[in-house]
Protein backbone atom coordinates (compact mmCIF):
# COMPACT_ATOMS: atom_id res chain seq x y z
CA MET A 1 -150.82 27.18 -7.40
CA PRO A 2 -151.79 23.61 -6.46
CA VAL A 3 -153.27 22.87 -3.06
CA LYS A 4 -150.71 21.29 -0.75
CA PRO A 5 -152.00 17.86 0.37
CA PHE A 6 -152.73 17.34 4.03
CA HIS A 7 -153.25 14.22 6.11
CA HIS A 8 -155.20 14.53 9.35
CA ILE A 9 -156.98 12.44 11.96
CA GLY A 10 -159.90 13.59 14.06
CA LEU A 11 -162.14 11.90 16.60
CA ILE A 12 -165.89 11.84 16.09
CA GLU A 13 -168.85 10.08 17.62
CA ILE A 14 -171.09 8.19 15.20
CA LEU A 15 -174.00 6.00 16.33
CA GLU A 16 -172.75 6.31 19.91
CA GLU A 17 -169.32 4.95 18.92
CA GLN A 18 -166.11 6.97 18.98
CA LEU A 19 -164.31 6.74 15.68
CA TRP A 20 -160.89 7.87 14.53
CA LEU A 21 -161.41 9.46 11.12
CA ALA A 22 -158.45 9.96 8.77
CA PHE A 23 -158.88 12.42 5.93
CA THR A 24 -156.99 14.23 3.21
CA ASN A 25 -157.95 17.19 1.07
CA SER A 26 -159.61 14.62 -1.26
CA GLY A 27 -161.87 13.12 1.42
CA ILE A 28 -162.11 10.56 4.20
CA CYS A 29 -159.61 7.76 3.65
CA ALA A 30 -159.83 5.52 6.73
CA SER A 31 -161.50 5.03 10.07
CA LYS A 32 -161.10 2.84 13.13
CA PHE A 33 -163.17 2.45 16.26
CA LYS A 34 -161.36 4.11 19.16
CA GLU A 35 -162.29 1.11 21.28
CA THR A 36 -160.29 -1.19 18.98
CA THR A 37 -157.14 0.87 18.37
CA THR A 38 -155.03 3.64 19.83
CA LEU A 39 -154.24 6.84 17.99
CA LYS A 40 -150.57 5.83 17.84
CA SER A 41 -151.43 2.45 16.30
CA PHE A 42 -153.85 4.00 13.79
CA LYS A 43 -151.21 6.56 12.73
CA LYS A 44 -148.68 3.75 12.27
CA GLN A 45 -151.12 1.73 10.13
CA LEU A 46 -151.84 4.77 7.98
CA LYS A 47 -148.13 5.52 7.55
CA GLU A 48 -147.49 1.91 6.45
CA LYS A 49 -150.44 1.96 4.03
CA THR A 50 -149.98 5.43 2.51
CA GLY A 51 -146.42 6.48 3.27
CA ASN A 52 -147.82 9.69 4.77
CA SER A 53 -147.76 10.99 8.33
CA PHE A 54 -151.15 11.97 9.71
CA LEU A 55 -151.52 14.80 12.24
CA LYS A 56 -154.22 14.80 14.91
CA VAL A 57 -156.60 17.74 14.76
CA ASP A 58 -159.02 18.90 17.44
CA SER A 59 -161.91 19.41 15.04
CA LEU A 60 -162.98 18.14 11.66
CA PRO A 61 -163.50 20.40 8.65
CA GLU A 62 -167.01 21.84 8.40
CA GLU A 63 -167.86 19.86 5.24
CA ILE A 64 -167.00 16.58 6.97
CA GLU A 65 -168.98 17.57 10.09
CA ASP A 66 -171.98 18.47 7.90
CA GLY A 67 -171.65 15.22 5.96
CA ILE A 68 -171.45 13.16 9.16
CA ASN A 69 -174.51 14.92 10.57
CA GLN A 70 -176.44 14.22 7.36
CA TRP A 71 -175.22 10.60 7.43
CA GLN A 72 -176.42 10.16 11.02
CA LEU A 73 -179.86 11.50 10.10
CA LYS A 74 -180.32 9.63 6.82
CA GLY A 75 -177.75 6.81 6.80
CA TYR A 76 -175.96 8.27 3.80
CA SER A 77 -174.60 11.63 2.75
CA SER A 78 -173.99 13.15 -0.64
CA LYS A 79 -171.73 15.65 1.13
CA LEU A 80 -169.17 13.06 2.22
CA GLN A 81 -166.19 12.60 -0.06
CA PHE A 82 -164.02 9.50 0.17
CA ASP A 83 -160.37 9.21 -0.82
CA ILE A 84 -160.28 5.55 -1.91
CA SER A 85 -158.44 6.02 -5.21
CA THR A 86 -155.51 3.84 -4.11
CA TYR A 87 -157.77 0.76 -4.06
CA SER A 88 -158.70 -1.46 -7.02
CA SER A 89 -161.57 -0.43 -9.27
CA PHE A 90 -163.40 -3.62 -8.20
CA LYS A 91 -163.26 -2.61 -4.52
CA GLN A 92 -164.32 0.93 -5.38
CA LYS A 93 -167.35 -0.40 -7.30
CA VAL A 94 -168.32 -2.67 -4.39
CA TRP A 95 -168.03 0.18 -1.88
CA LYS A 96 -169.98 2.58 -4.11
CA SER A 97 -172.78 0.02 -4.49
CA CYS A 98 -172.72 -0.59 -0.74
CA SER A 99 -173.00 3.17 -0.12
CA LEU A 100 -176.32 3.21 -1.96
CA ILE A 101 -178.04 0.82 0.47
CA PRO A 102 -180.59 2.95 2.36
CA PHE A 103 -180.41 3.41 6.12
CA GLY A 104 -182.25 0.62 7.93
CA GLU A 105 -182.21 -1.65 4.89
CA THR A 106 -179.96 -4.46 3.72
CA SER A 107 -178.69 -6.03 0.53
CA THR A 108 -176.90 -9.30 -0.13
CA TYR A 109 -173.43 -10.19 -1.36
CA SER A 110 -175.09 -11.67 -4.47
CA LYS A 111 -177.07 -8.50 -5.18
CA ILE A 112 -173.96 -6.35 -4.88
CA ALA A 113 -172.12 -8.71 -7.26
CA ILE A 114 -174.96 -8.36 -9.78
CA ASP A 115 -175.11 -4.57 -9.31
CA ILE A 116 -171.44 -4.21 -10.24
CA HIS A 117 -171.77 -6.59 -13.22
CA HIS A 118 -169.80 -9.48 -11.68
CA PRO A 119 -172.68 -11.85 -10.86
CA LYS A 120 -170.47 -14.77 -9.79
CA ALA A 121 -168.18 -12.69 -7.56
CA GLN A 122 -170.05 -12.97 -4.24
CA ARG A 123 -166.94 -14.13 -2.38
CA ALA A 124 -164.84 -11.36 -3.93
CA VAL A 125 -167.54 -8.88 -2.87
CA GLY A 126 -167.23 -10.23 0.69
CA SER A 127 -163.44 -9.83 0.55
CA ALA A 128 -163.78 -6.26 -0.74
CA LEU A 129 -166.20 -5.42 2.05
CA GLY A 130 -163.76 -6.90 4.57
CA ALA A 131 -161.09 -4.52 3.23
CA ASN A 132 -163.37 -1.47 3.50
CA PRO A 133 -161.22 1.26 5.11
CA ILE A 134 -164.28 3.27 6.23
CA PRO A 135 -166.70 0.63 7.52
CA LEU A 136 -169.44 2.73 9.11
CA LEU A 137 -169.68 5.49 6.53
CA ILE A 138 -169.38 3.06 3.64
CA PRO A 139 -171.94 0.82 5.34
CA CYS A 140 -170.72 -2.70 4.63
CA HIS A 141 -172.64 -3.85 7.72
CA ARG A 142 -175.80 -3.52 5.58
CA VAL A 143 -174.69 -6.41 3.35
CA ILE A 144 -175.93 -9.79 4.54
CA ARG A 145 -176.02 -13.38 3.33
CA ASN A 146 -178.72 -14.71 0.99
CA ASP A 147 -180.19 -16.69 3.90
CA ARG A 148 -180.71 -13.30 5.68
CA SER A 149 -178.12 -14.07 8.40
CA ALA A 150 -175.71 -11.27 9.23
CA GLY A 151 -172.52 -12.84 7.94
CA GLU A 152 -169.02 -11.61 8.66
CA TYR A 153 -167.90 -8.11 9.68
CA ALA A 154 -164.43 -6.65 10.17
CA TYR A 155 -165.33 -5.72 13.76
CA GLY A 156 -167.19 -8.94 14.54
CA SER A 157 -170.61 -10.26 13.66
CA ARG A 158 -172.07 -9.11 17.00
CA LEU A 159 -171.32 -5.45 16.22
CA LYS A 160 -172.80 -5.93 12.74
CA GLU A 161 -176.00 -7.26 14.28
CA LEU A 162 -176.11 -4.36 16.77
CA LEU A 163 -175.62 -1.78 13.99
CA LEU A 164 -178.40 -3.36 11.93
CA GLU A 165 -180.72 -3.45 14.96
CA ARG A 166 -179.93 0.19 15.82
CA GLU A 167 -180.61 1.33 12.24
CA SER A 168 -183.81 -0.68 12.02
CA TYR A 169 -185.05 0.78 15.32
CA ALA A 170 -184.06 4.33 14.29
CA LYS A 171 -185.90 3.94 10.99
CA VAL A 172 -189.10 2.98 12.82
CA LEU A 173 -188.82 6.14 14.96
CA ASP A 174 -188.57 8.40 11.88
């Protein structure tokens, strides 16, 4: 008997930020900073994007909690599963490449474009990163311009700079 799909939202704290985390039985599919959106608004956005209603839960599944804990310690987690199958293969490749950038380190839009075998697609890489539905856990903030400046970020360049500073500082403390 097939597993009945579910669509849930939980609240979690990551890097001292509260984050709404949407997930299905296939993995995490979206997130939004609580500071930037209400639960009602996030649910509405998800309904418009997926056609599914998401229910709020009081706690996240154990595998997601474990994955988040590993991510917070190491900046990545092999335990985290993402449900991004509704996005283009190009975006999926960009996000996968982005996910491989180690905690406290950065890459460039050009390097990501080369990594995914589209060396002239730096702008398209930037657009894909801007559409990232899970911006902290798929760490697009670790992608910077060739001139080493921070560049754009869906939540503002100041937050991107703060995240990079926090990761850099945390790496030194390791």
